[in-house]
């Protein structure tokens, strides 16, 4: 399975594949396909790595030297980009991305 992450400053495609129910994005539990996950910034990848390691928002904020509300913002962006409604889905995405 190939996963593409845009280089720093790159813009990803605006369109996503359509699911069987007509909605854009991938269904929860569907594999990442290199387009539907969007493009992750280096900081988003870092947050996702901490999530996969089992860190709390507070621990992630401390390690990254940012506020917990900034971590929450990154998590919201990750959930949107990866179509990951739960923490477990984020962890699965991290594994699939090799983080």
PDB file of N, CA and C in Angstrom:
ATOM      1  N   UNK A   1       0.849  -1.168   0.000  1.00  0.00           N
ATOM      2  CA  UNK A   1       0.000   0.000   0.000  1.00  0.00           C
ATOM      3  C   UNK A   1       0.892   1.228   0.000  1.00  0.00           C
ATOM      4  N   UNK A   2       0.696   2.133  -0.925  1.00  0.00           N
ATOM      5  CA  UNK A   2       1.497   3.348  -1.019  1.00  0.00           C
ATOM      6  C   UNK A   2       0.751   4.501  -0.381  1.00  0.00           C
ATOM      7  N   UNK A   3       1.438   5.268   0.451  1.00  0.00           N
ATOM      8  CA  UNK A   3       0.874   6.449   1.077  1.00  0.00           C
ATOM      9  C   UNK A   3       1.770   7.613   0.713  1.00  0.00           C
ATOM     10  N   UNK A   4       1.189   8.693   0.246  1.00  0.00           N
ATOM     11  CA  UNK A   4       1.952   9.855  -0.161  1.00  0.00           C
ATOM     12  C   UNK A   4       1.709  10.989   0.807  1.00  0.00           C
ATOM     13  N   UNK A   5       2.775  11.596   1.306  1.00  0.00           N
ATOM     14  CA  UNK A   5       2.664  12.763   2.164  1.00  0.00           C
ATOM     15  C   UNK A   5       3.367  13.897   1.428  1.00  0.00           C
ATOM     16  N   UNK A   6       2.677  15.014   1.281  1.00  0.00           N
ATOM     17  CA  UNK A   6       3.208  16.132   0.508  1.00  0.00           C
ATOM     18  C   UNK A   6       4.421  16.728   1.190  1.00  0.00           C
ATOM     19  N   UNK A   7       5.360  17.227   0.403  1.00  0.00           N
ATOM     20  CA  UNK A   7       6.492  17.925   0.988  1.00  0.00           C
ATOM     21  C   UNK A   7       6.027  19.201   1.663  1.00  0.00           C
ATOM     22  N   UNK A   8       6.845  19.740   2.527  1.00  0.00           N
ATOM     23  CA  UNK A   8       6.533  20.955   3.245  1.00  0.00           C
ATOM     24  C   UNK A   8       6.087  22.038   2.280  1.00  0.00           C
ATOM     25  N   UNK A   9       4.963  22.659   2.570  1.00  0.00           N
ATOM     26  CA  UNK A   9       4.455  23.733   1.731  1.00  0.00           C
ATOM     27  C   UNK A   9       3.644  23.261   0.541  1.00  0.00           C
ATOM     28  N   UNK A  10       3.541  21.955   0.327  1.00  0.00           N
ATOM     29  CA  UNK A  10       2.781  21.429  -0.810  1.00  0.00           C
ATOM     30  C   UNK A  10       1.296  21.466  -0.542  1.00  0.00           C
ATOM     31  N   UNK A  11       0.536  21.583  -1.566  1.00  0.00           N
ATOM     32  CA  UNK A  11      -0.922  21.584  -1.434  1.00  0.00           C
ATOM     33  C   UNK A  11      -1.452  20.277  -1.985  1.00  0.00           C
ATOM     34  N   UNK A  12      -2.359  19.689  -1.262  1.00  0.00           N
ATOM     35  CA  UNK A  12      -2.936  18.424  -1.694  1.00  0.00           C
ATOM     36  C   UNK A  12      -4.136  18.642  -2.583  1.00  0.00           C
ATOM     37  N   UNK A  13      -4.577  17.592  -3.239  1.00  0.00           N
ATOM     38  CA  UNK A  13      -5.755  17.708  -4.083  1.00  0.00           C
ATOM     39  C   UNK A  13      -6.985  18.021  -3.246  1.00  0.00           C
ATOM     40  N   UNK A  14      -7.838  18.860  -3.762  1.00  0.00           N
ATOM     41  CA  UNK A  14      -9.028  19.280  -3.017  1.00  0.00           C
ATOM     42  C   UNK A  14     -10.110  18.216  -3.036  1.00  0.00           C
ATOM     43  N   UNK A  15     -10.101  17.359  -4.034  1.00  0.00           N
ATOM     44  CA  UNK A  15     -11.169  16.366  -4.131  1.00  0.00           C
ATOM     45  C   UNK A  15     -10.789  15.091  -3.402  1.00  0.00           C
ATOM     46  N   UNK A  16     -11.795  14.388  -2.978  1.00  0.00           N
ATOM     47  CA  UNK A  16     -11.608  13.091  -2.332  1.00  0.00           C
ATOM     48  C   UNK A  16     -12.494  12.087  -3.046  1.00  0.00           C
ATOM     49  N   UNK A  17     -12.167  10.824  -2.869  1.00  0.00           N
ATOM     50  CA  UNK A  17     -12.995   9.789  -3.469  1.00  0.00           C
ATOM     51  C   UNK A  17     -14.350   9.750  -2.773  1.00  0.00           C
ATOM     52  N   UNK A  18     -15.362   9.343  -3.504  1.00  0.00           N
ATOM     53  CA  UNK A  18     -16.687   9.212  -2.905  1.00  0.00           C
ATOM     54  C   UNK A  18     -16.893   7.806  -2.374  1.00  0.00           C
ATOM     55  N   UNK A  19     -17.503   7.742  -1.179  1.00  0.00           N
ATOM     56  CA  UNK A  19     -17.845   6.460  -0.591  1.00  0.00           C
ATOM     57  C   UNK A  19     -19.164   5.992  -1.191  1.00  0.00           C
ATOM     58  N   UNK A  20     -19.528   4.771  -0.883  1.00  0.00           N
ATOM     59  CA  UNK A  20     -20.770   4.196  -1.401  1.00  0.00           C
ATOM     60  C   UNK A  20     -21.992   5.001  -0.970  1.00  0.00           C
ATOM     61  N   UNK A  21     -21.912   5.660   0.218  1.00  0.00           N
ATOM     62  CA  UNK A  21     -23.051   6.438   0.690  1.00  0.00           C
ATOM     63  C   UNK A  21     -23.094   7.849   0.096  1.00  0.00           C
ATOM     64  N   UNK A  22     -22.159   8.157  -0.844  1.00  0.00           N
ATOM     65  CA  UNK A  22     -22.166   9.447  -1.519  1.00  0.00           C
ATOM     66  C   UNK A  22     -21.339  10.514  -0.832  1.00  0.00           C
ATOM     67  N   UNK A  23     -20.882  10.245   0.378  1.00  0.00           N
ATOM     68  CA  UNK A  23     -20.087  11.220   1.114  1.00  0.00           C
ATOM     69  C   UNK A  23     -18.639  11.157   0.668  1.00  0.00           C
ATOM     70  N   UNK A  24     -17.946  12.292   0.798  1.00  0.00           N
ATOM     71  CA  UNK A  24     -16.526  12.311   0.466  1.00  0.00           C
ATOM     72  C   UNK A  24     -15.723  11.712   1.607  1.00  0.00           C
ATOM     73  N   UNK A  25     -14.505  11.236   1.280  1.00  0.00           N
ATOM     74  CA  UNK A  25     -13.608  10.707   2.298  1.00  0.00           C
ATOM     75  C   UNK A  25     -13.680   9.202   2.357  1.00  0.00           C
ATOM     76  N   UNK A  26     -12.912   8.645   3.283  1.00  0.00           N
ATOM     77  CA  UNK A  26     -12.904   7.202   3.432  1.00  0.00           C
ATOM     78  C   UNK A  26     -13.770   6.845   4.623  1.00  0.00           C
ATOM     79  N   UNK A  27     -14.350   5.700   4.584  1.00  0.00           N
ATOM     80  CA  UNK A  27     -15.138   5.233   5.705  1.00  0.00           C
ATOM     81  C   UNK A  27     -14.230   4.854   6.854  1.00  0.00           C
ATOM     82  N   UNK A  28     -14.720   4.946   8.067  1.00  0.00           N
ATOM     83  CA  UNK A  28     -13.922   4.552   9.222  1.00  0.00           C
ATOM     84  C   UNK A  28     -13.494   3.106   9.045  1.00  0.00           C
ATOM     85  N   UNK A  29     -12.223   2.893   9.183  1.00  0.00           N
ATOM     86  CA  UNK A  29     -11.707   1.545   9.042  1.00  0.00           C
ATOM     87  C   UNK A  29     -11.235   1.215   7.639  1.00  0.00           C
ATOM     88  N   UNK A  30     -11.536   2.062   6.657  1.00  0.00           N
ATOM     89  CA  UNK A  30     -11.055   1.819   5.300  1.00  0.00           C
ATOM     90  C   UNK A  30      -9.565   2.143   5.229  1.00  0.00           C
ATOM     91  N   UNK A  31      -8.812   1.442   4.406  1.00  0.00           N
ATOM     92  CA  UNK A  31      -7.379   1.708   4.342  1.00  0.00           C
ATOM     93  C   UNK A  31      -7.084   3.066   3.730  1.00  0.00           C
ATOM     94  N   UNK A  32      -5.977   3.651   4.151  1.00  0.00           N
ATOM     95  CA  UNK A  32      -5.538   4.909   3.561  1.00  0.00           C
ATOM     96  C   UNK A  32      -5.087   4.617   2.147  1.00  0.00           C
ATOM     97  N   UNK A  33      -5.406   5.507   1.218  1.00  0.00           N
ATOM     98  CA  UNK A  33      -5.065   5.227  -0.170  1.00  0.00           C
ATOM     99  C   UNK A  33      -4.123   6.250  -0.790  1.00  0.00           C
ATOM    100  N   UNK A  34      -3.565   7.158  -0.012  1.00  0.00           N
ATOM    101  CA  UNK A  34      -2.625   8.111  -0.559  1.00  0.00           C
ATOM    102  C   UNK A  34      -3.267   9.399  -1.039  1.00  0.00           C
ATOM    103  N   UNK A  35      -4.571   9.400  -1.262  1.00  0.00           N
ATOM    104  CA  UNK A  35      -5.262  10.621  -1.680  1.00  0.00           C
ATOM    105  C   UNK A  35      -6.269  11.023  -0.613  1.00  0.00           C
ATOM    106  N   UNK A  36      -7.066  10.077  -0.168  1.00  0.00           N
ATOM    107  CA  UNK A  36      -8.162  10.390   0.746  1.00  0.00           C
ATOM    108  C   UNK A  36      -7.685  10.910   2.089  1.00  0.00           C
ATOM    109  N   UNK A  37      -6.478  10.563   2.518  1.00  0.00           N
ATOM    110  CA  UNK A  37      -6.034  11.010   3.835  1.00  0.00           C
ATOM    111  C   UNK A  37      -5.607  12.461   3.848  1.00  0.00           C
ATOM    112  N   UNK A  38      -5.468  13.102   2.707  1.00  0.00           N
ATOM    113  CA  UNK A  38      -4.999  14.482   2.657  1.00  0.00           C
ATOM    114  C   UNK A  38      -3.492  14.523   2.864  1.00  0.00           C
ATOM    115  N   UNK A  39      -2.992  15.686   3.114  1.00  0.00           N
ATOM    116  CA  UNK A  39      -1.562  15.849   3.306  1.00  0.00           C
ATOM    117  C   UNK A  39      -1.300  16.315   4.719  1.00  0.00           C
ATOM    118  N   UNK A  40      -0.361  15.677   5.393  1.00  0.00           N
ATOM    119  CA  UNK A  40      -0.051  15.985   6.779  1.00  0.00           C
ATOM    120  C   UNK A  40       1.188  16.859   6.872  1.00  0.00           C
ATOM    121  N   UNK A  41       1.099  17.879   7.726  1.00  0.00           N
ATOM    122  CA  UNK A  41       2.259  18.721   7.991  1.00  0.00           C
ATOM    123  C   UNK A  41       3.209  17.963   8.927  1.00  0.00           C
ATOM    124  N   UNK A  42       4.447  18.407   9.020  1.00  0.00           N
ATOM    125  CA  UNK A  42       5.379  17.765   9.950  1.00  0.00           C
ATOM    126  C   UNK A  42       4.868  17.776  11.391  1.00  0.00           C
ATOM    127  N   UNK A  43       4.229  18.873  11.808  1.00  0.00           N
ATOM    128  CA  UNK A  43       3.701  18.945  13.181  1.00  0.00           C
ATOM    129  C   UNK A  43       2.517  17.990  13.355  1.00  0.00           C
ATOM    130  N   UNK A  44       1.679  17.860  12.344  1.00  0.00           N
ATOM    131  CA  UNK A  44       0.579  16.903  12.432  1.00  0.00           C
ATOM    132  C   UNK A  44       1.125  15.489  12.555  1.00  0.00           C
ATOM    133  N   UNK A  45       2.164  15.182  11.784  1.00  0.00           N
ATOM    134  CA  UNK A  45       2.792  13.857  11.891  1.00  0.00           C
ATOM    135  C   UNK A  45       3.378  13.638  13.287  1.00  0.00           C
ATOM    136  N   UNK A  46       3.961  14.700  13.856  1.00  0.00           N
ATOM    137  CA  UNK A  46       4.536  14.586  15.199  1.00  0.00           C
ATOM    138  C   UNK A  46       3.447  14.303  16.235  1.00  0.00           C
ATOM    139  N   UNK A  47       2.336  15.034  16.159  1.00  0.00           N
ATOM    140  CA  UNK A  47       1.214  14.792  17.071  1.00  0.00           C
ATOM    141  C   UNK A  47       0.699  13.367  16.897  1.00  0.00           C
ATOM    142  N   UNK A  48       0.545  12.936  15.660  1.00  0.00           N
ATOM    143  CA  UNK A  48       0.051  11.587  15.391  1.00  0.00           C
ATOM    144  C   UNK A  48       0.996  10.530  15.953  1.00  0.00           C
ATOM    145  N   UNK A  49       2.287  10.796  15.904  1.00  0.00           N
ATOM    146  CA  UNK A  49       3.266   9.871  16.488  1.00  0.00           C
ATOM    147  C   UNK A  49       3.073   9.754  17.989  1.00  0.00           C
ATOM    148  N   UNK A  50       2.857  10.893  18.663  1.00  0.00           N
ATOM    149  CA  UNK A  50       2.625  10.862  20.110  1.00  0.00           C
ATOM    150  C   UNK A  50       1.310  10.151  20.448  1.00  0.00           C
ATOM    151  N   UNK A  51       0.280  10.364  19.642  1.00  0.00           N
ATOM    152  CA  UNK A  51      -0.994   9.666  19.854  1.00  0.00           C
ATOM    153  C   UNK A  51      -0.781   8.159  19.764  1.00  0.00           C
ATOM    154  N   UNK A  52      -0.053   7.739  18.733  1.00  0.00           N
ATOM    155  CA  UNK A  52       0.203   6.308  18.538  1.00  0.00           C
ATOM    156  C   UNK A  52       1.028   5.725  19.677  1.00  0.00           C
ATOM    157  N   UNK A  53       1.853   6.561  20.314  1.00  0.00           N
ATOM    158  CA  UNK A  53       2.676   6.107  21.443  1.00  0.00           C
ATOM    159  C   UNK A  53       1.890   6.082  22.751  1.00  0.00           C
ATOM    160  N   UNK A  54       0.639   6.554  22.704  1.00  0.00           N
ATOM    161  CA  UNK A  54      -0.208   6.509  23.886  1.00  0.00           C
ATOM    162  C   UNK A  54      -0.133   7.743  24.769  1.00  0.00           C
ATOM    163  N   UNK A  55       0.429   8.815  24.260  1.00  0.00           N
ATOM    164  CA  UNK A  55       0.546  10.047  25.045  1.00  0.00           C
ATOM    165  C   UNK A  55      -0.800  10.760  25.160  1.00  0.00           C
ATOM    166  N   UNK A  56      -1.020  11.405  26.294  1.00  0.00           N
ATOM    167  CA  UNK A  56      -2.209  12.231  26.484  1.00  0.00           C
ATOM    168  C   UNK A  56      -1.979  13.577  25.800  1.00  0.00           C
ATOM    169  N   UNK A  57      -3.040  14.377  25.733  1.00  0.00           N
ATOM    170  CA  UNK A  57      -2.890  15.721  25.159  1.00  0.00           C
ATOM    171  C   UNK A  57      -1.880  16.534  25.961  1.00  0.00           C
ATOM    172  N   UNK A  58      -1.951  16.404  27.277  1.00  0.00           N
ATOM    173  CA  UNK A  58      -1.046  17.157  28.140  1.00  0.00           C
ATOM    174  C   UNK A  58       0.414  16.726  27.910  1.00  0.00           C
ATOM    175  N   UNK A  59       0.645  15.438  27.817  1.00  0.00           N
ATOM    176  CA  UNK A  59       1.998  14.937  27.574  1.00  0.00           C
ATOM    177  C   UNK A  59       2.506  15.394  26.204  1.00  0.00           C
ATOM    178  N   UNK A  60       1.644  15.323  25.202  1.00  0.00           N
ATOM    179  CA  UNK A  60       2.023  15.764  23.859  1.00  0.00           C
ATOM    180  C   UNK A  60       2.352  17.249  23.865  1.00  0.00           C
ATOM    181  N   UNK A  61       1.526  18.050  24.511  1.00  0.00           N
ATOM    182  CA  UNK A  61       1.754  19.495  24.588  1.00  0.00           C
ATOM    183  C   UNK A  61       3.091  19.791  25.265  1.00  0.00           C
ATOM    184  N   UNK A  62       3.370  19.099  26.356  1.00  0.00           N
ATOM    185  CA  UNK A  62       4.626  19.308  27.080  1.00  0.00           C
ATOM    186  C   UNK A  62       5.828  18.960  26.207  1.00  0.00           C
ATOM    187  N   UNK A  63       5.762  17.835  25.534  1.00  0.00           N
ATOM    188  CA  UNK A  63       6.882  17.379  24.695  1.00  0.00           C
ATOM    189  C   UNK A  63       7.104  18.281  23.487  1.00  0.00           C
ATOM    190  N   UNK A  64       6.010  18.824  22.942  1.00  0.00           N
ATOM    191  CA  UNK A  64       6.127  19.674  21.759  1.00  0.00           C
ATOM    192  C   UNK A  64       6.277  21.151  22.108  1.00  0.00           C
ATOM    193  N   UNK A  65       6.150  21.472  23.416  1.00  0.00           N
ATOM    194  CA  UNK A  65       6.243  22.854  23.901  1.00  0.00           C
ATOM    195  C   UNK A  65       5.172  23.749  23.269  1.00  0.00           C
ATOM    196  N   UNK A  66       3.932  23.216  23.263  1.00  0.00           N
ATOM    197  CA  UNK A  66       2.772  23.953  22.774  1.00  0.00           C
ATOM    198  C   UNK A  66       1.644  23.784  23.789  1.00  0.00           C
ATOM    199  N   UNK A  67       0.558  24.523  23.641  1.00  0.00           N
ATOM    200  CA  UNK A  67      -0.563  24.405  24.573  1.00  0.00           C
ATOM    201  C   UNK A  67      -1.419  23.179  24.263  1.00  0.00           C
ATOM    202  N   UNK A  68      -2.185  22.761  25.260  1.00  0.00           N
ATOM    203  CA  UNK A  68      -3.075  21.620  25.043  1.00  0.00           C
ATOM    204  C   UNK A  68      -4.164  21.960  24.030  1.00  0.00           C
ATOM    205  N   UNK A  69      -4.565  23.241  23.967  1.00  0.00           N
ATOM    206  CA  UNK A  69      -5.574  23.611  22.970  1.00  0.00           C
ATOM    207  C   UNK A  69      -5.003  23.529  21.554  1.00  0.00           C
ATOM    208  N   UNK A  70      -3.699  23.777  21.398  1.00  0.00           N
ATOM    209  CA  UNK A  70      -3.068  23.622  20.087  1.00  0.00           C
ATOM    210  C   UNK A  70      -3.021  22.146  19.716  1.00  0.00           C
ATOM    211  N   UNK A  71      -2.743  21.286  20.683  1.00  0.00           N
ATOM    212  CA  UNK A  71      -2.767  19.840  20.429  1.00  0.00           C
ATOM    213  C   UNK A  71      -4.167  19.433  19.998  1.00  0.00           C
ATOM    214  N   UNK A  72      -5.185  19.966  20.689  1.00  0.00           N
ATOM    215  CA  UNK A  72      -6.575  19.645  20.335  1.00  0.00           C
ATOM    216  C   UNK A  72      -6.881  20.079  18.900  1.00  0.00           C
ATOM    217  N   UNK A  73      -6.346  21.220  18.493  1.00  0.00           N
ATOM    218  CA  UNK A  73      -6.543  21.692  17.119  1.00  0.00           C
ATOM    219  C   UNK A  73      -5.894  20.730  16.127  1.00  0.00           C
ATOM    220  N   UNK A  74      -4.661  20.316  16.416  1.00  0.00           N
ATOM    221  CA  UNK A  74      -3.987  19.355  15.540  1.00  0.00           C
ATOM    222  C   UNK A  74      -4.766  18.048  15.462  1.00  0.00           C
ATOM    223  N   UNK A  75      -5.288  17.582  16.598  1.00  0.00           N
ATOM    224  CA  UNK A  75      -6.063  16.340  16.604  1.00  0.00           C
ATOM    225  C   UNK A  75      -7.327  16.475  15.765  1.00  0.00           C
ATOM    226  N   UNK A  76      -7.986  17.623  15.850  1.00  0.00           N
ATOM    227  CA  UNK A  76      -9.190  17.850  15.043  1.00  0.00           C
ATOM    228  C   UNK A  76      -8.846  17.829  13.557  1.00  0.00           C
ATOM    229  N   UNK A  77      -7.734  18.462  13.193  1.00  0.00           N
ATOM    230  CA  UNK A  77      -7.307  18.456  11.790  1.00  0.00           C
ATOM    231  C   UNK A  77      -6.979  17.042  11.320  1.00  0.00           C
ATOM    232  N   UNK A  78      -6.290  16.293  12.179  1.00  0.00           N
ATOM    233  CA  UNK A  78      -5.938  14.914  11.830  1.00  0.00           C
ATOM    234  C   UNK A  78      -7.189  14.071  11.645  1.00  0.00           C
ATOM    235  N   UNK A  79      -8.151  14.222  12.554  1.00  0.00           N
ATOM    236  CA  UNK A  79      -9.392  13.446  12.439  1.00  0.00           C
ATOM    237  C   UNK A  79     -10.105  13.763  11.126  1.00  0.00           C
ATOM    238  N   UNK A  80     -10.086  15.022  10.748  1.00  0.00           N
ATOM    239  CA  UNK A  80     -10.724  15.425   9.500  1.00  0.00           C
ATOM    240  C   UNK A  80      -9.973  14.876   8.289  1.00  0.00           C
ATOM    241  N   UNK A  81      -8.667  15.084   8.256  1.00  0.00           N
ATOM    242  CA  UNK A  81      -7.868  14.645   7.111  1.00  0.00           C
ATOM    243  C   UNK A  81      -7.850  13.136   6.953  1.00  0.00           C
ATOM    244  N   UNK A  82      -7.856  12.426   8.076  1.00  0.00           N
ATOM    245  CA  UNK A  82      -7.747  10.966   8.038  1.00  0.00           C
ATOM    246  C   UNK A  82      -9.098  10.278   8.167  1.00  0.00           C
ATOM    247  N   UNK A  83     -10.174  11.059   8.227  1.00  0.00           N
ATOM    248  CA  UNK A  83     -11.519  10.504   8.435  1.00  0.00           C
ATOM    249  C   UNK A  83     -11.500   9.509   9.590  1.00  0.00           C
ATOM    250  N   UNK A  84     -10.938   9.975  10.702  1.00  0.00           N
ATOM    251  CA  UNK A  84     -10.748   9.127  11.879  1.00  0.00           C
ATOM    252  C   UNK A  84     -11.601   9.672  13.030  1.00  0.00           C
ATOM    253  N   UNK A  85     -12.782   9.110  13.245  1.00  0.00           N
ATOM    254  CA  UNK A  85     -13.672   9.639  14.273  1.00  0.00           C
ATOM    255  C   UNK A  85     -13.219   9.370  15.708  1.00  0.00           C
ATOM    256  N   UNK A  86     -12.375   8.390  15.919  1.00  0.00           N
ATOM    257  CA  UNK A  86     -11.951   8.049  17.286  1.00  0.00           C
ATOM    258  C   UNK A  86     -10.430   7.995  17.393  1.00  0.00           C
ATOM    259  N   UNK A  87      -9.971   7.948  18.638  1.00  0.00           N
ATOM    260  CA  UNK A  87      -8.541   7.820  18.914  1.00  0.00           C
ATOM    261  C   UNK A  87      -7.999   6.517  18.311  1.00  0.00           C
ATOM    262  N   UNK A  88      -8.776   5.468  18.398  1.00  0.00           N
ATOM    263  CA  UNK A  88      -8.344   4.185  17.837  1.00  0.00           C
ATOM    264  C   UNK A  88      -8.117   4.286  16.332  1.00  0.00           C
ATOM    265  N   UNK A  89      -8.975   5.022  15.639  1.00  0.00           N
ATOM    266  CA  UNK A  89      -8.796   5.213  14.201  1.00  0.00           C
ATOM    267  C   UNK A  89      -7.531   6.020  13.902  1.00  0.00           C
ATOM    268  N   UNK A  90      -7.232   7.007  14.757  1.00  0.00           N
ATOM    269  CA  UNK A  90      -5.993   7.776  14.579  1.00  0.00           C
ATOM    270  C   UNK A  90      -4.774   6.878  14.755  1.00  0.00           C
ATOM    271  N   UNK A  91      -4.825   6.005  15.750  1.00  0.00           N
ATOM    272  CA  UNK A  91      -3.706   5.093  15.989  1.00  0.00           C
ATOM    273  C   UNK A  91      -3.531   4.150  14.802  1.00  0.00           C
ATOM    274  N   UNK A  92      -4.635   3.647  14.292  1.00  0.00           N
ATOM    275  CA  UNK A  92      -4.553   2.769  13.111  1.00  0.00           C
ATOM    276  C   UNK A  92      -3.934   3.515  11.933  1.00  0.00           C
ATOM    277  N   UNK A  93      -4.347   4.758  11.723  1.00  0.00           N
ATOM    278  CA  UNK A  93      -3.795   5.569  10.638  1.00  0.00           C
ATOM    279  C   UNK A  93      -2.297   5.770  10.830  1.00  0.00           C
ATOM    280  N   UNK A  94      -1.858   6.004  12.060  1.00  0.00           N
ATOM    281  CA  UNK A  94      -0.429   6.171  12.338  1.00  0.00           C
ATOM    282  C   UNK A  94       0.346   4.925  11.977  1.00  0.00           C
ATOM    283  N   UNK A  95      -0.216   3.774  12.309  1.00  0.00           N
ATOM    284  CA  UNK A  95       0.428   2.505  11.971  1.00  0.00           C
ATOM    285  C   UNK A  95       0.504   2.342  10.455  1.00  0.00           C
ATOM    286  N   UNK A  96      -0.591   2.625   9.764  1.00  0.00           N
ATOM    287  CA  UNK A  96      -0.621   2.487   8.310  1.00  0.00           C
ATOM    288  C   UNK A  96       0.337   3.468   7.636  1.00  0.00           C
ATOM    289  N   UNK A  97       0.571   4.632   8.272  1.00  0.00           N
ATOM    290  CA  UNK A  97       1.505   5.608   7.718  1.00  0.00           C
ATOM    291  C   UNK A  97       2.948   5.329   8.120  1.00  0.00           C
ATOM    292  N   UNK A  98       3.133   4.320   8.961  1.00  0.00           N
ATOM    293  CA  UNK A  98       4.483   3.952   9.379  1.00  0.00           C
ATOM    294  C   UNK A  98       5.082   4.883  10.415  1.00  0.00           C
ATOM    295  N   UNK A  99       4.239   5.562  11.178  1.00  0.00           N
ATOM    296  CA  UNK A  99       4.747   6.484  12.200  1.00  0.00           C
ATOM    297  C   UNK A  99       5.007   5.775  13.514  1.00  0.00           C
TER     298      UNK A  99
END
